[in-house]
Amino acid sequence: MGRPVPGVRIGLIATVGFGLWSAVFAIATRQYAWIPMILLLRAASFVIIGTFIASRRIDLSVFRARIALVLGTTVGVLDTLANAFFAKGIESGYASLAATGTGMYPIVPALLGMLALGERLAPNQILGLVVRVVGLATLGAVS
């Protein structure tokens, strides 16, 4: 925490934010149908991200390139599907298990980074992924 590499602090903030968001989303999904909650989430995300883009004057001309548009759209669709599955998991009555299960998300980019980009994981990253998988497997076995 003293002098972390760029992105570590924002990653920790994002992790705490995701935990808080998961709790609020679980409460909302139990009170209301999950489809309107997903639509509300997407609308709120559009407003928040749009405000950020406008306030920082971020140039979106990169999306004129077809590949960037396809990649951005794919991420949006997959993110929406992930939220739909998350909502269905919460709807089943196991909000804490559904929220913890989403802890698998760092594994996917790590594997894709290695396979698609040829990145090498540092030993502490490998250890972190192993601990995560063992923790999730233990949680699954206990529940």
N, C-alpha and C. Protein backbone atom coordinates (compact mmCIF):
# COMPACT_ATOMS: atom_id res chain seq x y z
N MET A 1 0.82 -1.20 0.00
CA MET A 1 0.00 0.00 0.00
C MET A 1 0.86 1.26 0.00
N GLY A 2 2.12 1.15 0.39
CA GLY A 2 2.97 2.32 0.45
C GLY A 2 3.19 2.95 -0.91
N ARG A 3 3.70 2.17 -1.87
CA ARG A 3 3.92 2.69 -3.22
C ARG A 3 3.48 1.64 -4.23
N PRO A 4 2.20 1.40 -4.33
CA PRO A 4 1.75 0.36 -5.27
C PRO A 4 1.88 0.82 -6.72
N VAL A 5 1.98 -0.15 -7.60
CA VAL A 5 2.03 0.16 -9.02
C VAL A 5 0.70 0.78 -9.44
N PRO A 6 0.70 1.52 -10.54
CA PRO A 6 -0.55 2.17 -10.98
C PRO A 6 -1.68 1.15 -11.13
N GLY A 7 -2.82 1.53 -10.66
CA GLY A 7 -4.00 0.67 -10.79
C GLY A 7 -4.34 -0.10 -9.53
N VAL A 8 -3.39 -0.28 -8.61
CA VAL A 8 -3.66 -1.08 -7.42
C VAL A 8 -4.68 -0.38 -6.52
N ARG A 9 -4.47 0.91 -6.27
CA ARG A 9 -5.41 1.62 -5.39
C ARG A 9 -6.81 1.64 -5.98
N ILE A 10 -6.90 1.95 -7.27
CA ILE A 10 -8.23 1.98 -7.90
C ILE A 10 -8.84 0.58 -7.93
N GLY A 11 -7.99 -0.44 -8.04
CA GLY A 11 -8.49 -1.81 -7.98
C GLY A 11 -9.09 -2.14 -6.63
N LEU A 12 -8.43 -1.69 -5.57
CA LEU A 12 -8.97 -1.92 -4.22
C LEU A 12 -10.28 -1.16 -4.02
N ILE A 13 -10.32 0.07 -4.51
CA ILE A 13 -11.56 0.86 -4.41
C ILE A 13 -12.67 0.17 -5.20
N ALA A 14 -12.34 -0.32 -6.38
CA ALA A 14 -13.34 -1.01 -7.21
C ALA A 14 -13.84 -2.28 -6.51
N THR A 15 -12.96 -2.98 -5.84
CA THR A 15 -13.36 -4.20 -5.13
C THR A 15 -14.34 -3.88 -4.00
N VAL A 16 -14.04 -2.86 -3.23
CA VAL A 16 -14.95 -2.45 -2.15
C VAL A 16 -16.26 -1.96 -2.76
N GLY A 17 -16.16 -1.19 -3.83
CA GLY A 17 -17.37 -0.71 -4.51
C GLY A 17 -18.22 -1.85 -5.02
N PHE A 18 -17.58 -2.88 -5.58
CA PHE A 18 -18.33 -4.04 -6.07
C PHE A 18 -19.03 -4.75 -4.92
N GLY A 19 -18.37 -4.85 -3.78
CA GLY A 19 -19.01 -5.47 -2.62
C GLY A 19 -20.24 -4.70 -2.17
N LEU A 20 -20.13 -3.39 -2.12
CA LEU A 20 -21.28 -2.57 -1.74
C LEU A 20 -22.38 -2.66 -2.79
N TRP A 21 -21.98 -2.59 -4.07
CA TRP A 21 -22.95 -2.71 -5.15
C TRP A 21 -23.68 -4.05 -5.08
N SER A 22 -22.95 -5.13 -4.81
CA SER A 22 -23.56 -6.46 -4.72
C SER A 22 -24.63 -6.51 -3.65
N ALA A 23 -24.36 -5.90 -2.51
CA ALA A 23 -25.34 -5.89 -1.42
C ALA A 23 -26.59 -5.11 -1.82
N VAL A 24 -26.40 -3.93 -2.40
CA VAL A 24 -27.55 -3.12 -2.83
C VAL A 24 -28.32 -3.84 -3.93
N PHE A 25 -27.61 -4.42 -4.87
CA PHE A 25 -28.26 -5.14 -5.97
C PHE A 25 -29.04 -6.34 -5.45
N ALA A 26 -28.49 -7.04 -4.45
CA ALA A 26 -29.20 -8.18 -3.86
C ALA A 26 -30.49 -7.73 -3.20
N ILE A 27 -30.44 -6.64 -2.46
CA ILE A 27 -31.65 -6.12 -1.80
C ILE A 27 -32.68 -5.74 -2.86
N ALA A 28 -32.25 -5.03 -3.89
CA ALA A 28 -33.18 -4.58 -4.95
C ALA A 28 -33.77 -5.76 -5.70
N THR A 29 -32.94 -6.78 -5.99
CA THR A 29 -33.42 -7.93 -6.76
C THR A 29 -34.41 -8.76 -5.96
N ARG A 30 -34.28 -8.75 -4.66
CA ARG A 30 -35.26 -9.47 -3.84
C ARG A 30 -36.58 -8.72 -3.73
N GLN A 31 -36.53 -7.41 -3.87
CA GLN A 31 -37.75 -6.59 -3.77
C GLN A 31 -38.48 -6.49 -5.10
N TYR A 32 -37.73 -6.50 -6.20
CA TYR A 32 -38.31 -6.27 -7.52
C TYR A 32 -37.83 -7.34 -8.48
N ALA A 33 -38.49 -7.45 -9.61
CA ALA A 33 -38.09 -8.43 -10.63
C ALA A 33 -36.69 -8.08 -11.15
N TRP A 34 -35.94 -9.10 -11.55
CA TRP A 34 -34.55 -8.89 -11.92
C TRP A 34 -34.38 -8.17 -13.26
N ILE A 35 -35.31 -8.34 -14.19
CA ILE A 35 -35.15 -7.67 -15.49
C ILE A 35 -35.21 -6.14 -15.36
N PRO A 36 -36.19 -5.59 -14.63
CA PRO A 36 -36.16 -4.13 -14.45
C PRO A 36 -34.91 -3.65 -13.71
N MET A 37 -34.40 -4.47 -12.80
CA MET A 37 -33.18 -4.08 -12.07
C MET A 37 -31.98 -4.02 -13.03
N ILE A 38 -31.90 -4.96 -13.97
CA ILE A 38 -30.82 -4.94 -14.96
C ILE A 38 -30.95 -3.70 -15.83
N LEU A 39 -32.18 -3.40 -16.26
CA LEU A 39 -32.39 -2.21 -17.10
C LEU A 39 -32.05 -0.93 -16.33
N LEU A 40 -32.43 -0.88 -15.07
CA LEU A 40 -32.10 0.28 -14.24
C LEU A 40 -30.58 0.40 -14.07
N LEU A 41 -29.93 -0.73 -13.85
CA LEU A 41 -28.47 -0.76 -13.73
C LEU A 41 -27.80 -0.24 -15.00
N ARG A 42 -28.26 -0.70 -16.15
CA ARG A 42 -27.68 -0.26 -17.42
C ARG A 42 -27.93 1.24 -17.63
N ALA A 43 -29.12 1.72 -17.30
CA ALA A 43 -29.43 3.15 -17.46
C ALA A 43 -28.55 3.99 -16.53
N ALA A 44 -28.41 3.56 -15.28
CA ALA A 44 -27.57 4.29 -14.33
C ALA A 44 -26.11 4.27 -14.79
N SER A 45 -25.64 3.14 -15.28
CA SER A 45 -24.27 3.04 -15.78
C SER A 45 -24.05 3.99 -16.95
N PHE A 46 -25.04 4.07 -17.84
CA PHE A 46 -24.93 4.97 -18.99
C PHE A 46 -24.78 6.42 -18.53
N VAL A 47 -25.59 6.81 -17.56
CA VAL A 47 -25.54 8.18 -17.06
C VAL A 47 -24.20 8.45 -16.35
N ILE A 48 -23.78 7.54 -15.49
CA ILE A 48 -22.53 7.74 -14.74
C ILE A 48 -21.32 7.77 -15.67
N ILE A 49 -21.25 6.80 -16.56
CA ILE A 49 -20.11 6.74 -17.48
C ILE A 49 -20.16 7.90 -18.47
N GLY A 50 -21.34 8.23 -18.95
CA GLY A 50 -21.49 9.37 -19.86
C GLY A 50 -21.05 10.67 -19.21
N THR A 51 -21.42 10.85 -17.94
CA THR A 51 -21.01 12.05 -17.21
C THR A 51 -19.49 12.09 -17.05
N PHE A 52 -18.89 10.96 -16.74
CA PHE A 52 -17.44 10.87 -16.60
C PHE A 52 -16.75 11.21 -17.92
N ILE A 53 -17.24 10.63 -19.01
CA ILE A 53 -16.65 10.88 -20.33
C ILE A 53 -16.76 12.36 -20.69
N ALA A 54 -17.94 12.93 -20.45
CA ALA A 54 -18.14 14.35 -20.78
C ALA A 54 -17.27 15.26 -19.90
N SER A 55 -17.19 14.93 -18.61
CA SER A 55 -16.42 15.79 -17.70
C SER A 55 -14.92 15.74 -17.99
N ARG A 56 -14.45 14.61 -18.47
CA ARG A 56 -13.02 14.46 -18.77
C ARG A 56 -12.69 14.74 -20.23
N ARG A 57 -13.75 15.02 -21.02
CA ARG A 57 -13.62 15.29 -22.46
C ARG A 57 -12.84 14.16 -23.15
N ILE A 58 -13.26 12.93 -22.89
CA ILE A 58 -12.60 11.76 -23.47
C ILE A 58 -13.05 11.61 -24.93
N ASP A 59 -12.09 11.43 -25.81
CA ASP A 59 -12.36 11.29 -27.24
C ASP A 59 -12.82 9.86 -27.53
N LEU A 60 -14.01 9.72 -28.08
CA LEU A 60 -14.56 8.40 -28.39
C LEU A 60 -14.40 8.03 -29.87
N SER A 61 -13.57 8.78 -30.59
CA SER A 61 -13.41 8.51 -32.02
C SER A 61 -12.79 7.14 -32.29
N VAL A 62 -12.18 6.54 -31.27
CA VAL A 62 -11.61 5.20 -31.44
C VAL A 62 -12.68 4.20 -31.87
N PHE A 63 -13.93 4.46 -31.50
CA PHE A 63 -15.00 3.53 -31.84
C PHE A 63 -15.44 3.63 -33.29
N ARG A 64 -14.83 4.54 -34.05
CA ARG A 64 -15.08 4.58 -35.49
C ARG A 64 -14.46 3.36 -36.16
N ALA A 65 -13.40 2.86 -35.57
CA ALA A 65 -12.79 1.63 -36.09
C ALA A 65 -13.71 0.47 -35.76
N ARG A 66 -14.03 -0.29 -36.76
CA ARG A 66 -15.01 -1.37 -36.62
C ARG A 66 -14.62 -2.37 -35.52
N ILE A 67 -13.35 -2.73 -35.45
CA ILE A 67 -12.91 -3.72 -34.45
C ILE A 67 -13.10 -3.19 -33.04
N ALA A 68 -12.81 -1.91 -32.81
CA ALA A 68 -13.01 -1.34 -31.48
C ALA A 68 -14.49 -1.32 -31.12
N LEU A 69 -15.33 -1.02 -32.09
CA LEU A 69 -16.78 -1.01 -31.85
C LEU A 69 -17.27 -2.42 -31.52
N VAL A 70 -16.79 -3.40 -32.26
CA VAL A 70 -17.19 -4.80 -32.02
C VAL A 70 -16.72 -5.24 -30.63
N LEU A 71 -15.47 -4.93 -30.28
CA LEU A 71 -14.96 -5.32 -28.97
C LEU A 71 -15.72 -4.62 -27.84
N GLY A 72 -15.97 -3.32 -27.99
CA GLY A 72 -16.72 -2.59 -26.97
C GLY A 72 -18.14 -3.12 -26.81
N THR A 73 -18.79 -3.44 -27.92
CA THR A 73 -20.14 -3.98 -27.89
C THR A 73 -20.15 -5.37 -27.24
N THR A 74 -19.16 -6.18 -27.58
CA THR A 74 -19.06 -7.53 -26.99
C THR A 74 -18.90 -7.44 -25.48
N VAL A 75 -18.05 -6.56 -25.01
CA VAL A 75 -17.87 -6.38 -23.56
C VAL A 75 -19.19 -5.96 -22.92
N GLY A 76 -19.90 -5.03 -23.55
CA GLY A 76 -21.18 -4.58 -23.01
C GLY A 76 -22.21 -5.69 -22.92
N VAL A 77 -22.30 -6.50 -23.97
CA VAL A 77 -23.25 -7.62 -23.98
C VAL A 77 -22.88 -8.65 -22.92
N LEU A 78 -21.59 -9.00 -22.84
CA LEU A 78 -21.16 -10.00 -21.85
C LEU A 78 -21.36 -9.48 -20.43
N ASP A 79 -21.09 -8.19 -20.21
CA ASP A 79 -21.30 -7.61 -18.89
C ASP A 79 -22.77 -7.65 -18.50
N THR A 80 -23.65 -7.35 -19.45
CA THR A 80 -25.08 -7.39 -19.17
C THR A 80 -25.52 -8.83 -18.88
N LEU A 81 -25.02 -9.79 -19.64
CA LEU A 81 -25.34 -11.19 -19.36
C LEU A 81 -24.84 -11.62 -17.99
N ALA A 82 -23.63 -11.17 -17.63
CA ALA A 82 -23.08 -11.51 -16.32
C ALA A 82 -23.98 -10.96 -15.21
N ASN A 83 -24.46 -9.74 -15.39
CA ASN A 83 -25.36 -9.16 -14.39
C ASN A 83 -26.69 -9.90 -14.35
N ALA A 84 -27.17 -10.37 -15.49
CA ALA A 84 -28.43 -11.14 -15.51
C ALA A 84 -28.25 -12.46 -14.76
N PHE A 85 -27.14 -13.15 -15.00
CA PHE A 85 -26.89 -14.40 -14.28
C PHE A 85 -26.69 -14.15 -12.79
N PHE A 86 -26.03 -13.05 -12.47
CA PHE A 86 -25.85 -12.68 -11.07
C PHE A 86 -27.21 -12.45 -10.41
N ALA A 87 -28.10 -11.75 -11.11
CA ALA A 87 -29.44 -11.49 -10.58
C ALA A 87 -30.21 -12.80 -10.40
N LYS A 88 -30.08 -13.71 -11.34
CA LYS A 88 -30.75 -15.01 -11.20
C LYS A 88 -30.19 -15.79 -10.01
N GLY A 89 -28.89 -15.68 -9.78
CA GLY A 89 -28.30 -16.34 -8.61
C GLY A 89 -28.83 -15.77 -7.31
N ILE A 90 -28.97 -14.46 -7.27
CA ILE A 90 -29.53 -13.80 -6.08
C ILE A 90 -30.98 -14.20 -5.89
N GLU A 91 -31.71 -14.25 -7.01
CA GLU A 91 -33.13 -14.60 -6.96
C GLU A 91 -33.33 -16.00 -6.35
N SER A 92 -32.34 -16.87 -6.50
CA SER A 92 -32.46 -18.22 -5.96
C SER A 92 -32.43 -18.22 -4.44
N GLY A 93 -32.03 -17.09 -3.84
CA GLY A 93 -32.03 -16.99 -2.39
C GLY A 93 -30.66 -17.04 -1.75
N TYR A 94 -29.62 -17.17 -2.57
CA TYR A 94 -28.28 -17.27 -2.04
C TYR A 94 -27.43 -16.09 -2.50
N ALA A 95 -27.79 -14.91 -2.03
CA ALA A 95 -27.10 -13.70 -2.48
C ALA A 95 -25.62 -13.73 -2.14
N SER A 96 -25.27 -14.19 -0.94
CA SER A 96 -23.86 -14.19 -0.56
C SER A 96 -23.06 -15.18 -1.40
N LEU A 97 -23.65 -16.32 -1.74
CA LEU A 97 -22.95 -17.29 -2.58
C LEU A 97 -22.81 -16.77 -4.00
N ALA A 98 -23.87 -16.12 -4.51
CA ALA A 98 -23.81 -15.56 -5.86
C ALA A 98 -22.75 -14.47 -5.92
N ALA A 99 -22.70 -13.61 -4.90
CA ALA A 99 -21.71 -12.53 -4.88
C ALA A 99 -20.30 -13.09 -4.77
N THR A 100 -20.12 -14.11 -3.96
CA THR A 100 -18.80 -14.70 -3.81
C THR A 100 -18.38 -15.44 -5.08
N GLY A 101 -19.33 -16.08 -5.72
CA GLY A 101 -19.04 -16.80 -6.96
C GLY A 101 -18.54 -15.88 -8.05
N THR A 102 -18.98 -14.64 -8.02
CA THR A 102 -18.50 -13.69 -9.03
C THR A 102 -17.04 -13.35 -8.79
N GLY A 103 -16.50 -13.83 -7.68
CA GLY A 103 -15.08 -13.64 -7.40
C GLY A 103 -14.19 -14.38 -8.38
N MET A 104 -14.78 -15.17 -9.27
CA MET A 104 -14.02 -15.85 -10.31
C MET A 104 -13.55 -14.89 -11.39
N TYR A 105 -14.10 -13.68 -11.42
CA TYR A 105 -13.81 -12.79 -12.54
C TYR A 105 -12.32 -12.51 -12.76
N PRO A 106 -11.44 -12.45 -11.75
CA PRO A 106 -10.03 -12.17 -12.07
C PRO A 106 -9.34 -13.32 -12.81
N ILE A 107 -9.90 -14.50 -12.70
CA ILE A 107 -9.27 -15.66 -13.34
C ILE A 107 -9.36 -15.54 -14.86
N VAL A 108 -10.51 -15.08 -15.36
CA VAL A 108 -10.71 -14.99 -16.81
C VAL A 108 -9.72 -14.03 -17.46
N PRO A 109 -9.60 -12.76 -16.98
CA PRO A 109 -8.62 -11.89 -17.63
C PRO A 109 -7.18 -12.37 -17.48
N ALA A 110 -6.88 -13.02 -16.36
CA ALA A 110 -5.53 -13.54 -16.18
C ALA A 110 -5.23 -14.61 -17.23
N LEU A 111 -6.16 -15.53 -17.42
CA LEU A 111 -5.96 -16.58 -18.42
C LEU A 111 -5.93 -16.00 -19.83
N LEU A 112 -6.84 -15.07 -20.12
CA LEU A 112 -6.84 -14.46 -21.45
C LEU A 112 -5.56 -13.66 -21.69
N GLY A 113 -5.07 -12.98 -20.65
CA GLY A 113 -3.82 -12.24 -20.78
C GLY A 113 -2.67 -13.16 -21.12
N MET A 114 -2.65 -14.33 -20.49
CA MET A 114 -1.58 -15.29 -20.77
C MET A 114 -1.74 -15.89 -22.17
N LEU A 115 -2.95 -16.32 -22.50
CA LEU A 115 -3.17 -17.02 -23.77
C LEU A 115 -3.19 -16.08 -24.97
N ALA A 116 -3.90 -14.96 -24.86
CA ALA A 116 -4.07 -14.08 -26.01
C ALA A 116 -2.96 -13.05 -26.15
N LEU A 117 -2.41 -12.59 -25.03
CA LEU A 117 -1.42 -11.53 -25.09
C LEU A 117 -0.01 -11.99 -24.75
N GLY A 118 0.14 -13.24 -24.37
CA GLY A 118 1.46 -13.77 -24.05
C GLY A 118 2.04 -13.20 -22.77
N GLU A 119 1.19 -12.72 -21.87
CA GLU A 119 1.69 -12.16 -20.61
C GLU A 119 2.13 -13.28 -19.67
N ARG A 120 3.03 -12.91 -18.78
CA ARG A 120 3.46 -13.84 -17.74
C ARG A 120 2.93 -13.33 -16.41
N LEU A 121 2.36 -14.21 -15.63
CA LEU A 121 1.89 -13.82 -14.32
C LEU A 121 3.04 -13.85 -13.34
N ALA A 122 3.05 -12.89 -12.44
CA ALA A 122 4.05 -12.86 -11.37
C ALA A 122 3.69 -13.94 -10.35
N PRO A 123 4.66 -14.41 -9.59
CA PRO A 123 4.39 -15.46 -8.60
C PRO A 123 3.26 -15.08 -7.63
N ASN A 124 3.20 -13.82 -7.21
CA ASN A 124 2.13 -13.44 -6.28
C ASN A 124 0.76 -13.46 -6.96
N GLN A 125 0.72 -13.21 -8.28
CA GLN A 125 -0.55 -13.31 -8.99
C GLN A 125 -1.00 -14.77 -9.09
N ILE A 126 -0.07 -15.66 -9.36
CA ILE A 126 -0.40 -17.09 -9.43
C ILE A 126 -0.90 -17.56 -8.07
N LEU A 127 -0.21 -17.16 -7.00
CA LEU A 127 -0.64 -17.52 -5.66
C LEU A 127 -2.04 -16.97 -5.38
N GLY A 128 -2.28 -15.73 -5.77
CA GLY A 128 -3.60 -15.12 -5.57
C GLY A 128 -4.70 -15.89 -6.29
N LEU A 129 -4.43 -16.32 -7.51
CA LEU A 129 -5.42 -17.10 -8.26
C LEU A 129 -5.66 -18.46 -7.62
N VAL A 130 -4.59 -19.10 -7.16
CA VAL A 130 -4.73 -20.40 -6.49
C VAL A 130 -5.56 -20.25 -5.21
N VAL A 131 -5.25 -19.23 -4.41
CA VAL A 131 -6.01 -18.99 -3.17
C VAL A 131 -7.48 -18.74 -3.49
N ARG A 132 -7.74 -17.96 -4.54
CA ARG A 132 -9.11 -17.66 -4.94
C ARG A 132 -9.87 -18.93 -5.32
N VAL A 133 -9.24 -19.77 -6.15
CA VAL A 133 -9.89 -21.01 -6.59
C VAL A 133 -10.14 -21.93 -5.41
N VAL A 134 -9.14 -22.08 -4.53
CA VAL A 134 -9.31 -22.94 -3.35
C VAL A 134 -10.43 -22.39 -2.45
N GLY A 135 -10.46 -21.08 -2.25
CA GLY A 135 -11.50 -20.47 -1.43
C GLY A 135 -12.88 -20.69 -2.00
N LEU A 136 -13.03 -20.50 -3.32
CA LEU A 136 -14.33 -20.70 -3.95
C LEU A 136 -14.75 -22.17 -3.93
N ALA A 137 -13.78 -23.06 -4.13
CA ALA A 137 -14.08 -24.49 -4.08
C ALA A 137 -14.50 -24.88 -2.66
N THR A 138 -13.82 -24.34 -1.66
CA THR A 138 -14.17 -24.63 -0.27
C THR A 138 -15.56 -24.10 0.06
N LEU A 139 -15.85 -22.89 -0.40
CA LEU A 139 -17.17 -22.32 -0.17
C LEU A 139 -18.24 -23.19 -0.81
N GLY A 140 -17.97 -23.65 -2.03
CA GLY A 140 -18.92 -24.53 -2.71
C GLY A 140 -19.12 -25.84 -1.98
N ALA A 141 -18.04 -26.39 -1.44
CA ALA A 141 -18.14 -27.67 -0.72
C ALA A 141 -18.91 -27.51 0.58
N VAL A 142 -18.72 -26.39 1.25
CA VAL A 142 -19.39 -26.14 2.53
C VAL A 142 -20.88 -25.89 2.33
N SER A 143 -21.22 -25.19 1.25
CA SER A 143 -22.63 -24.86 1.03
C SER A 143 -23.32 -26.02 0.40
